[in-house]
Amino acid sequence: KALVDKYRVAVAPIANRIVGSISADIIRTANAAQESALGDVIADAQLAYTQSAGAQIAFMNPGGIRTDLTFANSPGGEAPGQVTYGEAFTVQPFNNLVTTQTFTGAQIKDVLAQQRFPVVSTSPLILQVSAGFTYSYDATLPASSRVSNMTLNGVPIDPAATYRVTTND
């Protein structure tokens, strides 16, 4: 306990640094379409961070989102709504990096067709997507037909075209 307390005090200036703000809780709980507000926010943030690398779409693995961002939470004594580095790290505690790669539209479709059937969990898990990217999914169809109507900013995804996609590693 003494060792942990020593390091908790040592990292407090970093953990309690304000890195952003929220006006309400942002939760990771999935809605009926299996999207979460926090997953979408993270995907949007990843996209914004990597647009200089040409990113057009970002995906976030929902299993990597470990807790909600709570408006009233103030572990370092900060005002309600202020988000600390420690809170952000608790949401994604894995020290993952973001990576941007080039995929064809067909490869994006293949990736999306493989989701929803986790090995360990009995709950469906789908990639959280950045703003501007949409698609339809029907788990009752064969894998090759599950994904349809993929668009980026309202423009249909071309299976042969290439797109810059960001994910966490």
N, C-alpha and C. Protein backbone atom coordinates (compact mmCIF):
# COMPACT_ATOMS: atom_id res chain seq x y z
N LYS A 1 0.83 -1.19 0.00
CA LYS A 1 0.00 0.00 0.00
C LYS A 1 0.87 1.25 0.00
N ALA A 2 1.93 1.23 0.78
CA ALA A 2 2.83 2.39 0.86
C ALA A 2 3.46 2.67 -0.50
N LEU A 3 3.85 1.62 -1.22
CA LEU A 3 4.45 1.79 -2.54
C LEU A 3 3.45 2.39 -3.52
N VAL A 4 2.23 1.87 -3.53
CA VAL A 4 1.20 2.39 -4.43
C VAL A 4 0.87 3.84 -4.08
N ASP A 5 0.73 4.14 -2.81
CA ASP A 5 0.43 5.51 -2.39
C ASP A 5 1.53 6.47 -2.82
N LYS A 6 2.77 6.02 -2.73
CA LYS A 6 3.91 6.86 -3.13
C LYS A 6 3.77 7.26 -4.62
N TYR A 7 3.45 6.30 -5.47
CA TYR A 7 3.34 6.59 -6.89
C TYR A 7 2.05 7.31 -7.24
N ARG A 8 1.00 7.07 -6.49
CA ARG A 8 -0.26 7.81 -6.70
C ARG A 8 0.00 9.30 -6.47
N VAL A 9 0.75 9.65 -5.45
CA VAL A 9 1.10 11.04 -5.17
C VAL A 9 2.01 11.58 -6.27
N ALA A 10 2.94 10.76 -6.73
CA ALA A 10 3.89 11.21 -7.76
C ALA A 10 3.20 11.51 -9.09
N VAL A 11 2.18 10.73 -9.46
CA VAL A 11 1.52 10.94 -10.75
C VAL A 11 0.33 11.89 -10.67
N ALA A 12 -0.04 12.31 -9.47
CA ALA A 12 -1.22 13.17 -9.31
C ALA A 12 -1.19 14.42 -10.19
N PRO A 13 -0.07 15.11 -10.34
CA PRO A 13 -0.09 16.30 -11.20
C PRO A 13 -0.43 15.98 -12.67
N ILE A 14 -0.04 14.81 -13.13
CA ILE A 14 -0.37 14.40 -14.49
C ILE A 14 -1.82 13.91 -14.54
N ALA A 15 -2.18 13.03 -13.64
CA ALA A 15 -3.53 12.45 -13.64
C ALA A 15 -4.61 13.50 -13.45
N ASN A 16 -4.34 14.54 -12.69
CA ASN A 16 -5.35 15.55 -12.38
C ASN A 16 -5.33 16.74 -13.34
N ARG A 17 -4.48 16.68 -14.36
CA ARG A 17 -4.44 17.76 -15.35
C ARG A 17 -5.73 17.74 -16.18
N ILE A 18 -6.36 18.89 -16.35
CA ILE A 18 -7.59 19.01 -17.12
C ILE A 18 -7.23 18.91 -18.61
N VAL A 19 -7.91 17.99 -19.32
CA VAL A 19 -7.64 17.80 -20.75
C VAL A 19 -8.85 18.09 -21.62
N GLY A 20 -10.00 18.34 -21.00
CA GLY A 20 -11.19 18.63 -21.77
C GLY A 20 -12.36 18.88 -20.85
N SER A 21 -13.53 19.02 -21.47
CA SER A 21 -14.73 19.22 -20.67
C SER A 21 -15.92 18.57 -21.36
N ILE A 22 -16.91 18.22 -20.55
CA ILE A 22 -18.15 17.65 -21.05
C ILE A 22 -19.30 18.38 -20.38
N SER A 23 -20.46 18.39 -21.02
CA SER A 23 -21.62 19.07 -20.44
C SER A 23 -22.64 18.08 -19.89
N ALA A 24 -22.39 16.79 -20.08
CA ALA A 24 -23.27 15.73 -19.58
C ALA A 24 -22.47 14.43 -19.58
N ASP A 25 -23.02 13.41 -18.95
CA ASP A 25 -22.37 12.09 -18.99
C ASP A 25 -22.26 11.62 -20.44
N ILE A 26 -21.15 10.98 -20.76
CA ILE A 26 -20.98 10.31 -22.06
C ILE A 26 -20.76 8.84 -21.74
N ILE A 27 -21.74 8.02 -22.11
CA ILE A 27 -21.71 6.63 -21.66
C ILE A 27 -21.27 5.66 -22.75
N ARG A 28 -20.77 4.53 -22.29
CA ARG A 28 -20.31 3.48 -23.20
C ARG A 28 -21.38 2.44 -23.47
N THR A 29 -22.48 2.47 -22.73
CA THR A 29 -23.55 1.49 -22.92
C THR A 29 -24.11 1.61 -24.33
N ALA A 30 -24.24 0.48 -24.99
CA ALA A 30 -24.71 0.46 -26.37
C ALA A 30 -26.22 0.62 -26.44
N ASN A 31 -26.68 1.30 -27.49
CA ASN A 31 -28.12 1.42 -27.74
C ASN A 31 -28.59 0.20 -28.53
N ALA A 32 -29.81 0.21 -29.00
CA ALA A 32 -30.37 -0.94 -29.72
C ALA A 32 -29.58 -1.27 -31.00
N ALA A 33 -28.95 -0.27 -31.59
CA ALA A 33 -28.14 -0.47 -32.80
C ALA A 33 -26.70 -0.85 -32.45
N GLN A 34 -26.42 -1.04 -31.15
CA GLN A 34 -25.10 -1.42 -30.64
C GLN A 34 -24.07 -0.31 -30.75
N GLU A 35 -24.52 0.94 -30.85
CA GLU A 35 -23.61 2.09 -30.83
C GLU A 35 -23.65 2.71 -29.44
N SER A 36 -22.53 3.26 -29.04
CA SER A 36 -22.49 3.99 -27.77
C SER A 36 -22.04 5.42 -28.04
N ALA A 37 -22.57 6.33 -27.25
CA ALA A 37 -22.18 7.73 -27.41
C ALA A 37 -20.68 7.90 -27.20
N LEU A 38 -20.13 7.23 -26.20
CA LEU A 38 -18.69 7.36 -25.93
C LEU A 38 -17.86 6.74 -27.04
N GLY A 39 -18.30 5.61 -27.58
CA GLY A 39 -17.59 4.99 -28.71
C GLY A 39 -17.55 5.90 -29.91
N ASP A 40 -18.67 6.56 -30.19
CA ASP A 40 -18.71 7.49 -31.32
C ASP A 40 -17.81 8.71 -31.07
N VAL A 41 -17.80 9.21 -29.83
CA VAL A 41 -16.93 10.35 -29.51
C VAL A 41 -15.47 9.96 -29.69
N ILE A 42 -15.10 8.77 -29.24
CA ILE A 42 -13.70 8.33 -29.38
C ILE A 42 -13.35 8.17 -30.86
N ALA A 43 -14.23 7.55 -31.64
CA ALA A 43 -13.96 7.41 -33.08
C ALA A 43 -13.84 8.77 -33.74
N ASP A 44 -14.70 9.71 -33.37
CA ASP A 44 -14.60 11.07 -33.94
C ASP A 44 -13.28 11.74 -33.55
N ALA A 45 -12.85 11.54 -32.30
CA ALA A 45 -11.58 12.12 -31.84
C ALA A 45 -10.40 11.50 -32.58
N GLN A 46 -10.44 10.19 -32.78
CA GLN A 46 -9.37 9.52 -33.53
C GLN A 46 -9.32 10.05 -34.96
N LEU A 47 -10.48 10.24 -35.57
CA LEU A 47 -10.52 10.76 -36.93
C LEU A 47 -9.95 12.18 -36.97
N ALA A 48 -10.38 13.04 -36.06
CA ALA A 48 -9.87 14.41 -36.03
C ALA A 48 -8.36 14.43 -35.84
N TYR A 49 -7.86 13.57 -34.97
CA TYR A 49 -6.42 13.50 -34.68
C TYR A 49 -5.60 13.06 -35.89
N THR A 50 -6.18 12.24 -36.76
CA THR A 50 -5.41 11.66 -37.86
C THR A 50 -5.80 12.20 -39.24
N GLN A 51 -6.64 13.21 -39.29
CA GLN A 51 -7.00 13.76 -40.60
C GLN A 51 -5.80 14.33 -41.34
N SER A 52 -4.80 14.80 -40.61
CA SER A 52 -3.58 15.29 -41.28
C SER A 52 -2.83 14.15 -41.96
N ALA A 53 -3.11 12.90 -41.56
CA ALA A 53 -2.52 11.72 -42.21
C ALA A 53 -3.45 11.20 -43.30
N GLY A 54 -4.50 11.97 -43.60
CA GLY A 54 -5.42 11.60 -44.66
C GLY A 54 -6.59 10.74 -44.23
N ALA A 55 -6.77 10.54 -42.92
CA ALA A 55 -7.85 9.67 -42.44
C ALA A 55 -9.20 10.20 -42.88
N GLN A 56 -10.05 9.27 -43.30
CA GLN A 56 -11.41 9.59 -43.73
C GLN A 56 -12.47 8.93 -42.85
N ILE A 57 -12.09 7.81 -42.21
CA ILE A 57 -12.99 7.01 -41.39
C ILE A 57 -12.20 6.55 -40.17
N ALA A 58 -12.86 6.46 -39.02
CA ALA A 58 -12.21 5.88 -37.85
C ALA A 58 -13.16 4.87 -37.20
N PHE A 59 -12.57 3.79 -36.70
CA PHE A 59 -13.31 2.75 -35.99
C PHE A 59 -12.72 2.61 -34.59
N MET A 60 -13.59 2.39 -33.61
CA MET A 60 -13.16 2.14 -32.24
C MET A 60 -13.73 0.82 -31.77
N ASN A 61 -12.87 -0.03 -31.23
CA ASN A 61 -13.26 -1.31 -30.66
C ASN A 61 -14.01 -1.06 -29.35
N PRO A 62 -15.27 -1.47 -29.22
CA PRO A 62 -16.02 -1.17 -28.00
C PRO A 62 -15.46 -1.88 -26.77
N GLY A 63 -14.75 -2.98 -26.94
CA GLY A 63 -14.16 -3.67 -25.80
C GLY A 63 -13.04 -2.88 -25.16
N GLY A 64 -12.50 -1.91 -25.87
CA GLY A 64 -11.43 -1.08 -25.34
C GLY A 64 -11.92 0.14 -24.57
N ILE A 65 -13.24 0.27 -24.44
CA ILE A 65 -13.83 1.40 -23.70
C ILE A 65 -14.24 0.85 -22.34
N ARG A 66 -13.52 1.21 -21.30
CA ARG A 66 -13.67 0.54 -20.01
C ARG A 66 -14.58 1.21 -19.00
N THR A 67 -14.94 2.47 -19.21
CA THR A 67 -15.85 3.13 -18.27
C THR A 67 -16.46 4.35 -18.95
N ASP A 68 -17.44 4.95 -18.32
CA ASP A 68 -18.09 6.15 -18.83
C ASP A 68 -17.30 7.39 -18.44
N LEU A 69 -17.55 8.49 -19.14
CA LEU A 69 -17.11 9.81 -18.68
C LEU A 69 -18.32 10.41 -17.97
N THR A 70 -18.14 10.72 -16.70
CA THR A 70 -19.25 11.17 -15.87
C THR A 70 -19.09 12.63 -15.51
N PHE A 71 -20.11 13.42 -15.81
CA PHE A 71 -20.08 14.86 -15.59
C PHE A 71 -19.73 15.21 -14.15
N ALA A 72 -20.35 14.55 -13.19
CA ALA A 72 -20.17 14.92 -11.79
C ALA A 72 -18.93 14.30 -11.15
N ASN A 73 -18.20 13.46 -11.86
CA ASN A 73 -17.02 12.82 -11.30
C ASN A 73 -15.90 13.85 -11.14
N SER A 74 -15.31 13.92 -9.96
CA SER A 74 -14.24 14.89 -9.69
C SER A 74 -13.15 14.25 -8.83
N PRO A 75 -12.44 13.24 -9.36
CA PRO A 75 -11.46 12.54 -8.54
C PRO A 75 -10.29 13.40 -8.09
N GLY A 76 -9.99 14.46 -8.83
CA GLY A 76 -8.88 15.33 -8.45
C GLY A 76 -9.34 16.65 -7.89
N GLY A 77 -10.64 16.76 -7.59
CA GLY A 77 -11.17 18.00 -7.05
C GLY A 77 -11.54 19.02 -8.12
N GLU A 78 -11.52 18.61 -9.38
CA GLU A 78 -11.87 19.54 -10.46
C GLU A 78 -13.37 19.81 -10.47
N ALA A 79 -13.76 20.86 -11.18
CA ALA A 79 -15.18 21.22 -11.28
C ALA A 79 -15.94 20.17 -12.08
N PRO A 80 -17.23 20.01 -11.80
CA PRO A 80 -18.04 19.08 -12.60
C PRO A 80 -17.92 19.41 -14.09
N GLY A 81 -17.78 18.36 -14.88
CA GLY A 81 -17.66 18.53 -16.33
C GLY A 81 -16.24 18.64 -16.82
N GLN A 82 -15.31 18.97 -15.95
CA GLN A 82 -13.91 19.00 -16.37
C GLN A 82 -13.38 17.57 -16.39
N VAL A 83 -12.74 17.20 -17.49
CA VAL A 83 -12.21 15.85 -17.66
C VAL A 83 -10.70 15.89 -17.47
N THR A 84 -10.22 15.02 -16.60
CA THR A 84 -8.78 14.96 -16.34
C THR A 84 -8.12 13.88 -17.22
N TYR A 85 -6.82 13.97 -17.31
CA TYR A 85 -6.06 12.94 -18.01
C TYR A 85 -6.33 11.58 -17.36
N GLY A 86 -6.39 11.54 -16.05
CA GLY A 86 -6.64 10.28 -15.35
C GLY A 86 -7.98 9.68 -15.72
N GLU A 87 -9.02 10.52 -15.83
CA GLU A 87 -10.34 10.01 -16.23
C GLU A 87 -10.30 9.49 -17.67
N ALA A 88 -9.66 10.24 -18.55
CA ALA A 88 -9.55 9.81 -19.95
C ALA A 88 -8.77 8.50 -20.04
N PHE A 89 -7.72 8.36 -19.26
CA PHE A 89 -6.93 7.14 -19.27
C PHE A 89 -7.74 5.97 -18.71
N THR A 90 -8.61 6.22 -17.75
CA THR A 90 -9.46 5.17 -17.20
C THR A 90 -10.45 4.67 -18.25
N VAL A 91 -10.90 5.56 -19.13
CA VAL A 91 -11.80 5.16 -20.22
C VAL A 91 -11.07 4.21 -21.17
N GLN A 92 -9.82 4.54 -21.51
CA GLN A 92 -9.00 3.71 -22.41
C GLN A 92 -7.64 3.48 -21.77
N PRO A 93 -7.55 2.51 -20.87
CA PRO A 93 -6.33 2.35 -20.07
C PRO A 93 -5.21 1.52 -20.70
N PHE A 94 -5.25 1.30 -21.98
CA PHE A 94 -4.32 0.35 -22.57
C PHE A 94 -3.10 0.96 -23.24
N ASN A 95 -2.98 2.27 -23.22
CA ASN A 95 -1.86 2.94 -23.87
C ASN A 95 -1.78 2.59 -25.36
N ASN A 96 -2.95 2.36 -25.97
CA ASN A 96 -2.98 2.09 -27.41
C ASN A 96 -2.60 3.34 -28.18
N LEU A 97 -2.04 3.12 -29.34
CA LEU A 97 -1.76 4.19 -30.28
C LEU A 97 -2.79 4.13 -31.40
N VAL A 98 -2.98 5.23 -32.09
CA VAL A 98 -3.85 5.19 -33.26
C VAL A 98 -2.98 4.95 -34.48
N THR A 99 -3.54 4.22 -35.42
CA THR A 99 -2.83 3.91 -36.65
C THR A 99 -3.77 4.16 -37.82
N THR A 100 -3.23 4.70 -38.89
CA THR A 100 -4.04 4.98 -40.08
C THR A 100 -3.48 4.16 -41.23
N GLN A 101 -4.36 3.39 -41.85
CA GLN A 101 -3.96 2.50 -42.94
C GLN A 101 -4.90 2.70 -44.12
N THR A 102 -4.46 2.24 -45.27
CA THR A 102 -5.27 2.32 -46.47
C THR A 102 -6.01 1.01 -46.69
N PHE A 103 -7.31 1.10 -46.86
CA PHE A 103 -8.18 -0.05 -47.12
C PHE A 103 -8.97 0.22 -48.38
N THR A 104 -9.31 -0.83 -49.11
CA THR A 104 -10.27 -0.67 -50.20
C THR A 104 -11.67 -0.70 -49.59
N GLY A 105 -12.63 -0.23 -50.34
CA GLY A 105 -14.01 -0.32 -49.88
C GLY A 105 -14.40 -1.76 -49.60
N ALA A 106 -13.92 -2.68 -50.43
CA ALA A 106 -14.22 -4.10 -50.23
C ALA A 106 -13.61 -4.60 -48.92
N GLN A 107 -12.41 -4.16 -48.58
CA GLN A 107 -11.80 -4.58 -47.32
C GLN A 107 -12.56 -4.03 -46.11
N ILE A 108 -13.04 -2.80 -46.21
CA ILE A 108 -13.84 -2.22 -45.13
C ILE A 108 -15.10 -3.07 -44.93
N LYS A 109 -15.74 -3.43 -46.02
CA LYS A 109 -16.95 -4.25 -45.95
C LYS A 109 -16.63 -5.60 -45.30
N ASP A 110 -15.51 -6.21 -45.68
CA ASP A 110 -15.12 -7.49 -45.10
C ASP A 110 -14.90 -7.39 -43.59
N VAL A 111 -14.24 -6.31 -43.15
CA VAL A 111 -14.01 -6.11 -41.72
C VAL A 111 -15.33 -5.99 -40.99
N LEU A 112 -16.23 -5.17 -41.52
CA LEU A 112 -17.52 -4.96 -40.87
C LEU A 112 -18.35 -6.24 -40.85
N ALA A 113 -18.23 -7.07 -41.88
CA ALA A 113 -18.99 -8.32 -41.95
C ALA A 113 -18.56 -9.32 -40.87
N GLN A 114 -17.35 -9.18 -40.35
CA GLN A 114 -16.83 -10.12 -39.36
C GLN A 114 -17.19 -9.76 -37.92
N GLN A 115 -17.79 -8.62 -37.71
CA GLN A 115 -18.09 -8.20 -36.34
C GLN A 115 -19.39 -8.82 -35.84
N ARG A 116 -19.68 -8.56 -34.58
CA ARG A 116 -20.90 -8.99 -33.89
C ARG A 116 -20.84 -10.39 -33.30
N PHE A 117 -19.85 -11.16 -33.61
CA PHE A 117 -19.81 -12.52 -33.10
C PHE A 117 -18.55 -12.73 -32.27
N PRO A 118 -18.50 -12.12 -31.07
CA PRO A 118 -17.30 -12.24 -30.25
C PRO A 118 -17.09 -13.65 -29.74
N VAL A 119 -15.85 -14.00 -29.55
CA VAL A 119 -15.49 -15.33 -29.09
C VAL A 119 -15.83 -15.52 -27.62
N VAL A 120 -15.59 -14.50 -26.80
CA VAL A 120 -15.73 -14.64 -25.35
C VAL A 120 -17.11 -14.17 -24.87
N SER A 121 -17.57 -13.05 -25.34
CA SER A 121 -18.81 -12.45 -24.86
C SER A 121 -20.01 -13.00 -25.62
N THR A 122 -21.14 -13.02 -24.97
CA THR A 122 -22.37 -13.42 -25.65
C THR A 122 -23.11 -12.21 -26.21
N SER A 123 -22.63 -11.01 -25.89
CA SER A 123 -23.25 -9.79 -26.40
C SER A 123 -22.61 -9.40 -27.74
N PRO A 124 -23.43 -8.91 -28.65
CA PRO A 124 -22.84 -8.44 -29.91
C PRO A 124 -21.93 -7.24 -29.66
N LEU A 125 -20.83 -7.21 -30.35
CA LEU A 125 -19.90 -6.09 -30.28
C LEU A 125 -19.64 -5.61 -31.70
N ILE A 126 -19.90 -4.34 -31.93
CA ILE A 126 -19.61 -3.81 -33.25
C ILE A 126 -18.66 -2.63 -33.11
N LEU A 127 -17.91 -2.39 -34.16
CA LEU A 127 -17.01 -1.25 -34.17
C LEU A 127 -17.81 0.04 -34.10
N GLN A 128 -17.33 0.95 -33.28
CA GLN A 128 -17.93 2.27 -33.19
C GLN A 128 -17.34 3.10 -34.33
N VAL A 129 -18.16 3.89 -35.00
CA VAL A 129 -17.71 4.56 -36.22
C VAL A 129 -17.72 6.07 -36.07
N SER A 130 -16.85 6.71 -36.83
CA SER A 130 -16.77 8.16 -36.83
C SER A 130 -17.91 8.77 -37.64
N ALA A 131 -18.16 10.02 -37.36
CA ALA A 131 -19.20 10.77 -38.06
C ALA A 131 -18.94 10.76 -39.56
N GLY A 132 -20.01 10.66 -40.33
CA GLY A 132 -19.90 10.70 -41.78
C GLY A 132 -19.90 9.33 -42.42
N PHE A 133 -19.56 8.30 -41.66
CA PHE A 133 -19.55 6.94 -42.21
C PHE A 133 -20.80 6.22 -41.72
N THR A 134 -21.56 5.62 -42.66
CA THR A 134 -22.75 4.87 -42.30
C THR A 134 -22.80 3.57 -43.09
N TYR A 135 -23.54 2.61 -42.55
CA TYR A 135 -23.76 1.35 -43.27
C TYR A 135 -24.93 0.64 -42.63
N SER A 136 -25.44 -0.36 -43.32
CA SER A 136 -26.49 -1.23 -42.79
C SER A 136 -25.89 -2.60 -42.54
N TYR A 137 -26.46 -3.30 -41.55
CA TYR A 137 -25.93 -4.61 -41.16
C TYR A 137 -27.09 -5.54 -40.85
N ASP A 138 -27.03 -6.75 -41.40
CA ASP A 138 -28.07 -7.74 -41.13
C ASP A 138 -27.40 -9.05 -40.76
N ALA A 139 -27.38 -9.37 -39.47
CA ALA A 139 -26.69 -10.56 -38.95
C ALA A 139 -27.34 -11.86 -39.40
N THR A 140 -28.55 -11.80 -39.94
CA THR A 140 -29.22 -13.03 -40.37
C THR A 140 -28.75 -13.49 -41.75
N LEU A 141 -28.02 -12.63 -42.44
CA LEU A 141 -27.54 -12.97 -43.79
C LEU A 141 -26.17 -13.64 -43.73
N PRO A 142 -25.77 -14.32 -44.81
CA PRO A 142 -24.40 -14.86 -44.88
C PRO A 142 -23.38 -13.72 -44.77
N ALA A 143 -22.20 -14.04 -44.26
CA ALA A 143 -21.16 -13.02 -44.03
C ALA A 143 -20.93 -12.12 -45.24
N SER A 144 -20.93 -12.68 -46.44
CA SER A 144 -20.65 -11.89 -47.64
C SER A 144 -21.75 -10.88 -47.96
N SER A 145 -22.91 -11.02 -47.33
CA SER A 145 -24.05 -10.14 -47.63
C SER A 145 -24.51 -9.31 -46.43
N ARG A 146 -23.86 -9.44 -45.29
CA ARG A 146 -24.33 -8.77 -44.07
C ARG A 146 -24.27 -7.25 -44.14
N VAL A 147 -23.25 -6.72 -44.81
CA VAL A 147 -23.02 -5.28 -44.83
C VAL A 147 -23.50 -4.71 -46.16
N SER A 148 -24.25 -3.62 -46.08
CA SER A 148 -24.73 -2.95 -47.29
C SER A 148 -24.83 -1.46 -47.03
N ASN A 149 -25.08 -0.73 -48.08
CA ASN A 149 -25.35 0.72 -48.00
C ASN A 149 -24.24 1.50 -47.30
N MET A 150 -22.98 1.14 -47.52
CA MET A 150 -21.88 1.89 -46.92
C MET A 150 -21.75 3.23 -47.63
N THR A 151 -21.70 4.31 -46.82
CA THR A 151 -21.50 5.64 -47.39
C THR A 151 -20.51 6.42 -46.54
N LEU A 152 -19.85 7.35 -47.17
CA LEU A 152 -18.97 8.29 -46.49
C LEU A 152 -19.43 9.69 -46.88
N ASN A 153 -19.93 10.40 -45.91
CA ASN A 153 -20.48 11.74 -46.14
C ASN A 153 -21.54 11.72 -47.24
N GLY A 154 -22.37 10.68 -47.22
CA GLY A 154 -23.48 10.57 -48.15
C GLY A 154 -23.13 9.99 -49.50
N VAL A 155 -21.85 9.73 -49.75
CA VAL A 155 -21.40 9.18 -51.03
C VAL A 155 -21.16 7.68 -50.86
N PRO A 156 -21.73 6.85 -51.73
CA PRO A 156 -21.52 5.40 -51.60
C PRO A 156 -20.03 5.03 -51.62
N ILE A 157 -19.65 4.08 -50.77
CA ILE A 157 -18.29 3.57 -50.75
C ILE A 157 -18.09 2.70 -51.99
N ASP A 158 -17.02 2.97 -52.72
CA ASP A 158 -16.68 2.21 -53.91
C ASP A 158 -15.82 1.02 -53.49
N PRO A 159 -16.22 -0.21 -53.78
CA PRO A 159 -15.44 -1.38 -53.36
C PRO A 159 -14.00 -1.36 -53.87
N ALA A 160 -13.76 -0.74 -55.02
CA ALA A 160 -12.41 -0.73 -55.60
C ALA A 160 -11.58 0.48 -55.18
N ALA A 161 -12.22 1.51 -54.65
CA ALA A 161 -11.50 2.72 -54.25
C ALA A 161 -10.78 2.49 -52.92
N THR A 162 -9.80 3.33 -52.64
CA THR A 162 -9.10 3.23 -51.37
C THR A 162 -9.53 4.35 -50.44
N TYR A 163 -9.48 4.03 -49.14
CA TYR A 163 -9.88 4.95 -48.09
C TYR A 163 -8.87 4.84 -46.96
N ARG A 164 -8.60 5.98 -46.31
CA ARG A 164 -7.69 6.00 -45.16
C ARG A 164 -8.53 5.79 -43.91
N VAL A 165 -8.20 4.72 -43.15
CA VAL A 165 -8.98 4.29 -41.99
C VAL A 165 -8.10 4.29 -40.75
N THR A 166 -8.59 4.91 -39.71
CA THR A 166 -7.87 4.96 -38.43
C THR A 166 -8.53 4.01 -37.44
N THR A 167 -7.69 3.29 -36.70
CA THR A 167 -8.14 2.45 -35.59
C THR A 167 -7.12 2.57 -34.47
N ASN A 168 -7.47 2.06 -33.30
CA ASN A 168 -6.46 1.92 -32.27
C ASN A 168 -5.71 0.61 -32.51
N ASP A 169 -4.46 0.57 -32.08
CA ASP A 169 -3.69 -0.65 -32.34
C ASP A 169 -3.96 -1.71 -31.30
